[in-house]
C-alpha atoms as a PDB file:
ATOM      1  CA  MET A   1      43.984 -72.541  70.325  1.00  0.00           C
ATOM      2  CA  PRO A   2      44.979 -73.980  67.204  1.00  0.00           C
ATOM      3  CA  GLN A   3      48.389 -72.557  65.485  1.00  0.00           C
ATOM      4  CA  PRO A   4      48.107 -70.022  63.020  1.00  0.00           C
ATOM      5  CA  PRO A   5      49.198 -71.203  59.187  1.00  0.00           C
ATOM      6  CA  ASN A   6      52.977 -71.002  58.469  1.00  0.00           C
ATOM      7  CA  MET A   7      52.511 -68.353  55.362  1.00  0.00           C
ATOM      8  CA  GLN A   8      55.841 -69.478  53.988  1.00  0.00           C
ATOM      9  CA  GLN A   9      54.723 -73.329  54.105  1.00  0.00           C
ATOM     10  CA  LEU A  10      51.410 -71.890  52.496  1.00  0.00           C
ATOM     11  CA  LEU A  11      52.925 -69.850  49.818  1.00  0.00           C
ATOM     12  CA  LYS A  12      55.141 -72.769  48.699  1.00  0.00           C
ATOM     13  CA  GLN A  13      51.834 -75.142  48.505  1.00  0.00           C
ATOM     14  CA  ALA A  14      49.959 -72.807  46.644  1.00  0.00           C
ATOM     15  CA  GLN A  15      52.908 -72.020  44.219  1.00  0.00           C
ATOM     16  CA  LYS A  16      52.908 -75.721  43.978  1.00  0.00           C
ATOM     17  CA  MET A  17      48.999 -76.384  43.221  1.00  0.00           C
ATOM     18  CA  GLN A  18      49.397 -73.533  40.855  1.00  0.00           C
ATOM     19  CA  GLN A  19      52.061 -75.587  38.883  1.00  0.00           C
ATOM     20  CA  GLU A  20      50.005 -78.669  38.561  1.00  0.00           C
ATOM     21  CA  MET A  21      47.200 -76.795  37.528  1.00  0.00           C
ATOM     22  CA  LEU A  22      48.960 -75.187  34.476  1.00  0.00           C
ATOM     23  CA  ALA A  23      50.571 -78.659  33.699  1.00  0.00           C
ATOM     24  CA  ALA A  24      47.071 -80.204  34.372  1.00  0.00           C
ATOM     25  CA  GLN A  25      45.104 -77.642  31.857  1.00  0.00           C
ATOM     26  CA  GLU A  26      48.119 -78.086  29.146  1.00  0.00           C
ATOM     27  CA  SER A  27      47.748 -81.943  29.487  1.00  0.00           C
ATOM     28  CA  LEU A  28      44.084 -81.604  28.877  1.00  0.00           C
ATOM     29  CA  LYS A  29      44.718 -80.521  25.413  1.00  0.00           C
ATOM     30  CA  ASP A  30      46.149 -83.797  24.059  1.00  0.00           C
ATOM     31  CA  GLU A  31      43.759 -85.918  25.479  1.00  0.00           C
ATOM     32  CA  VAL A  32      40.463 -86.579  23.258  1.00  0.00           C
ATOM     33  CA  VAL A  33      37.210 -88.182  24.098  1.00  0.00           C
ATOM     34  CA  GLU A  34      34.631 -89.289  22.038  1.00  0.00           C
ATOM     35  CA  ALA A  35      31.143 -89.865  21.648  1.00  0.00           C
ATOM     36  CA  SER A  36      28.139 -91.056  19.196  1.00  0.00           C
ATOM     37  CA  ALA A  37      24.583 -91.175  18.387  1.00  0.00           C
ATOM     38  CA  GLY A  38      22.569 -93.154  16.606  1.00  0.00           C
ATOM     39  CA  GLY A  39      24.167 -96.255  16.484  1.00  0.00           C
ATOM     40  CA  GLY A  40      27.745 -94.722  15.996  1.00  0.00           C
ATOM     41  CA  MET A  41      25.880 -92.866  12.550  1.00  0.00           C
ATOM     42  CA  VAL A  42      27.380 -89.764  14.210  1.00  0.00           C
ATOM     43  CA  THR A  43      30.603 -89.225  16.181  1.00  0.00           C
ATOM     44  CA  VAL A  44      32.288 -85.986  17.929  1.00  0.00           C
ATOM     45  CA  GLN A  45      35.589 -86.173  19.242  1.00  0.00           C
ATOM     46  CA  VAL A  46      36.318 -83.538  21.914  1.00  0.00           C
ATOM     47  CA  THR A  47      40.074 -82.418  23.814  1.00  0.00           C
ATOM     48  CA  GLY A  48      40.020 -81.975  27.504  1.00  0.00           C
ATOM     49  CA  ASP A  49      40.439 -78.312  27.100  1.00  0.00           C
ATOM     50  CA  LEU A  50      36.273 -78.541  25.294  1.00  0.00           C
ATOM     51  CA  HIS A  51      37.390 -77.648  21.467  1.00  0.00           C
ATOM     52  CA  ILE A  52      35.414 -80.009  19.285  1.00  0.00           C
ATOM     53  CA  LYS A  53      38.777 -81.421  16.987  1.00  0.00           C
ATOM     54  CA  SER A  54      35.775 -83.705  14.747  1.00  0.00           C
ATOM     55  CA  ILE A  55      32.546 -84.636  13.443  1.00  0.00           C
ATOM     56  CA  THR A  56      31.885 -87.809  11.509  1.00  0.00           C
ATOM     57  CA  ILE A  57      28.827 -88.411   9.758  1.00  0.00           C
ATOM     58  CA  GLN A  58      28.510 -91.771   8.108  1.00  0.00           C
ATOM     59  CA  PRO A  59      26.626 -91.410   4.724  1.00  0.00           C
ATOM     60  CA  GLU A  60      23.756 -93.506   5.437  1.00  0.00           C
ATOM     61  CA  ALA A  61      22.938 -90.864   8.120  1.00  0.00           C
ATOM     62  CA  VAL A  62      21.837 -88.454   5.751  1.00  0.00           C
ATOM     63  CA  ASP A  63      18.300 -88.192   4.717  1.00  0.00           C
ATOM     64  CA  PRO A  64      17.240 -85.418   2.661  1.00  0.00           C
ATOM     65  CA  GLU A  65      13.703 -86.388   3.817  1.00  0.00           C
ATOM     66  CA  ASP A  66      14.909 -85.912   7.728  1.00  0.00           C
ATOM     67  CA  VAL A  67      17.099 -83.493   8.432  1.00  0.00           C
ATOM     68  CA  GLU A  68      16.157 -82.809  11.882  1.00  0.00           C
ATOM     69  CA  LEU A  69      17.139 -86.552  12.945  1.00  0.00           C
ATOM     70  CA  LEU A  70      20.577 -86.091  11.520  1.00  0.00           C
ATOM     71  CA  GLN A  71      20.558 -82.677  13.923  1.00  0.00           C
ATOM     72  CA  ASP A  72      19.620 -84.065  17.181  1.00  0.00           C
ATOM     73  CA  MET A  73      22.007 -87.151  16.433  1.00  0.00           C
ATOM     74  CA  VAL A  74      24.839 -84.347  15.966  1.00  0.00           C
ATOM     75  CA  LEU A  75      23.390 -82.312  18.845  1.00  0.00           C
ATOM     76  CA  ALA A  76      23.232 -85.491  21.120  1.00  0.00           C
ATOM     77  CA  ALA A  77      26.851 -86.636  20.322  1.00  0.00           C
ATOM     78  CA  THR A  78      28.179 -83.204  20.803  1.00  0.00           C
ATOM     79  CA  ASN A  79      26.841 -82.784  24.216  1.00  0.00           C
ATOM     80  CA  GLU A  80      27.887 -85.999  25.288  1.00  0.00           C
ATOM     81  CA  ALA A  81      31.105 -85.561  23.930  1.00  0.00           C
ATOM     82  CA  LEU A  82      31.325 -82.090  26.041  1.00  0.00           C
ATOM     83  CA  ARG A  83      30.059 -83.965  28.931  1.00  0.00           C
ATOM     84  CA  SER A  84      32.725 -86.187  29.194  1.00  0.00           C
ATOM     85  CA  ALA A  85      35.175 -83.968  28.491  1.00  0.00           C
ATOM     86  CA  GLN A  86      34.392 -81.987  31.274  1.00  0.00           C
ATOM     87  CA  GLU A  87      34.365 -85.071  33.356  1.00  0.00           C
ATOM     88  CA  LEU A  88      37.797 -85.719  32.243  1.00  0.00           C
ATOM     89  CA  ALA A  89      38.750 -82.117  33.361  1.00  0.00           C
ATOM     90  CA  SER A  90      37.030 -82.047  36.467  1.00  0.00           C
ATOM     91  CA  SER A  91      38.747 -85.439  37.276  1.00  0.00           C
ATOM     92  CA  LYS A  92      42.345 -84.222  36.958  1.00  0.00           C
ATOM     93  CA  MET A  93      41.786 -80.677  38.226  1.00  0.00           C
ATOM     94  CA  GLY A  94      39.771 -81.852  41.463  1.00  0.00           C
ATOM     95  CA  GLY A  95      42.612 -83.982  42.422  1.00  0.00           C
ATOM     96  CA  ILE A  96      44.943 -80.940  42.482  1.00  0.00           C
ATOM     97  CA  ALA A  97      42.422 -78.885  43.872  1.00  0.00           C
ATOM     98  CA  GLY A  98      41.805 -81.425  46.626  1.00  0.00           C
ATOM     99  CA  GLY A  99      45.140 -80.299  47.794  1.00  0.00           C
ATOM    100  CA  LEU A 100      43.743 -77.000  49.201  1.00  0.00           C
ATOM    101  CA  GLY A 101      42.499 -78.460  52.365  1.00  0.00           C
ATOM    102  CA  GLY A 102      45.801 -79.377  53.586  1.00  0.00           C
ATOM    103  CA  LEU A 103      47.033 -75.798  53.602  1.00  0.00           C
ATOM    104  CA  GLY A 104      45.570 -75.756  57.335  1.00  0.00           C
ATOM    105  CA  LEU A 105      43.180 -72.593  56.321  1.00  0.00           C
ATOM    106  CA  PRO A 106      39.763 -72.599  58.233  1.00  0.00           C
ATOM    107  CA  GLY A 107      36.682 -73.671  55.691  1.00  0.00           C
ATOM    108  CA  LEU A 108      39.434 -75.024  53.030  1.00  0.00           C
END
């Protein structure tokens, strides 16, 4: 029969992991990802904590006869930037959460 986990060790590991998660979340605020659409006509920057930092639209993208195209480019660039930011956050946080397996708890 396996040994029960050392509770003091578990608490130390959980506390360390919590501190690492907080530090990673804080650092995500300073990281920026960028995505563009329409061959660079629309560019969106998003921070790692999913805040839109900027949207840049090139003047030649503004066609009063085709507003829908501009809307589609803004939407596409924003969605891609958000996806990239989520991927960044997942990679940073996933490494920390992967430490749960080392706690010696069944199922983790």
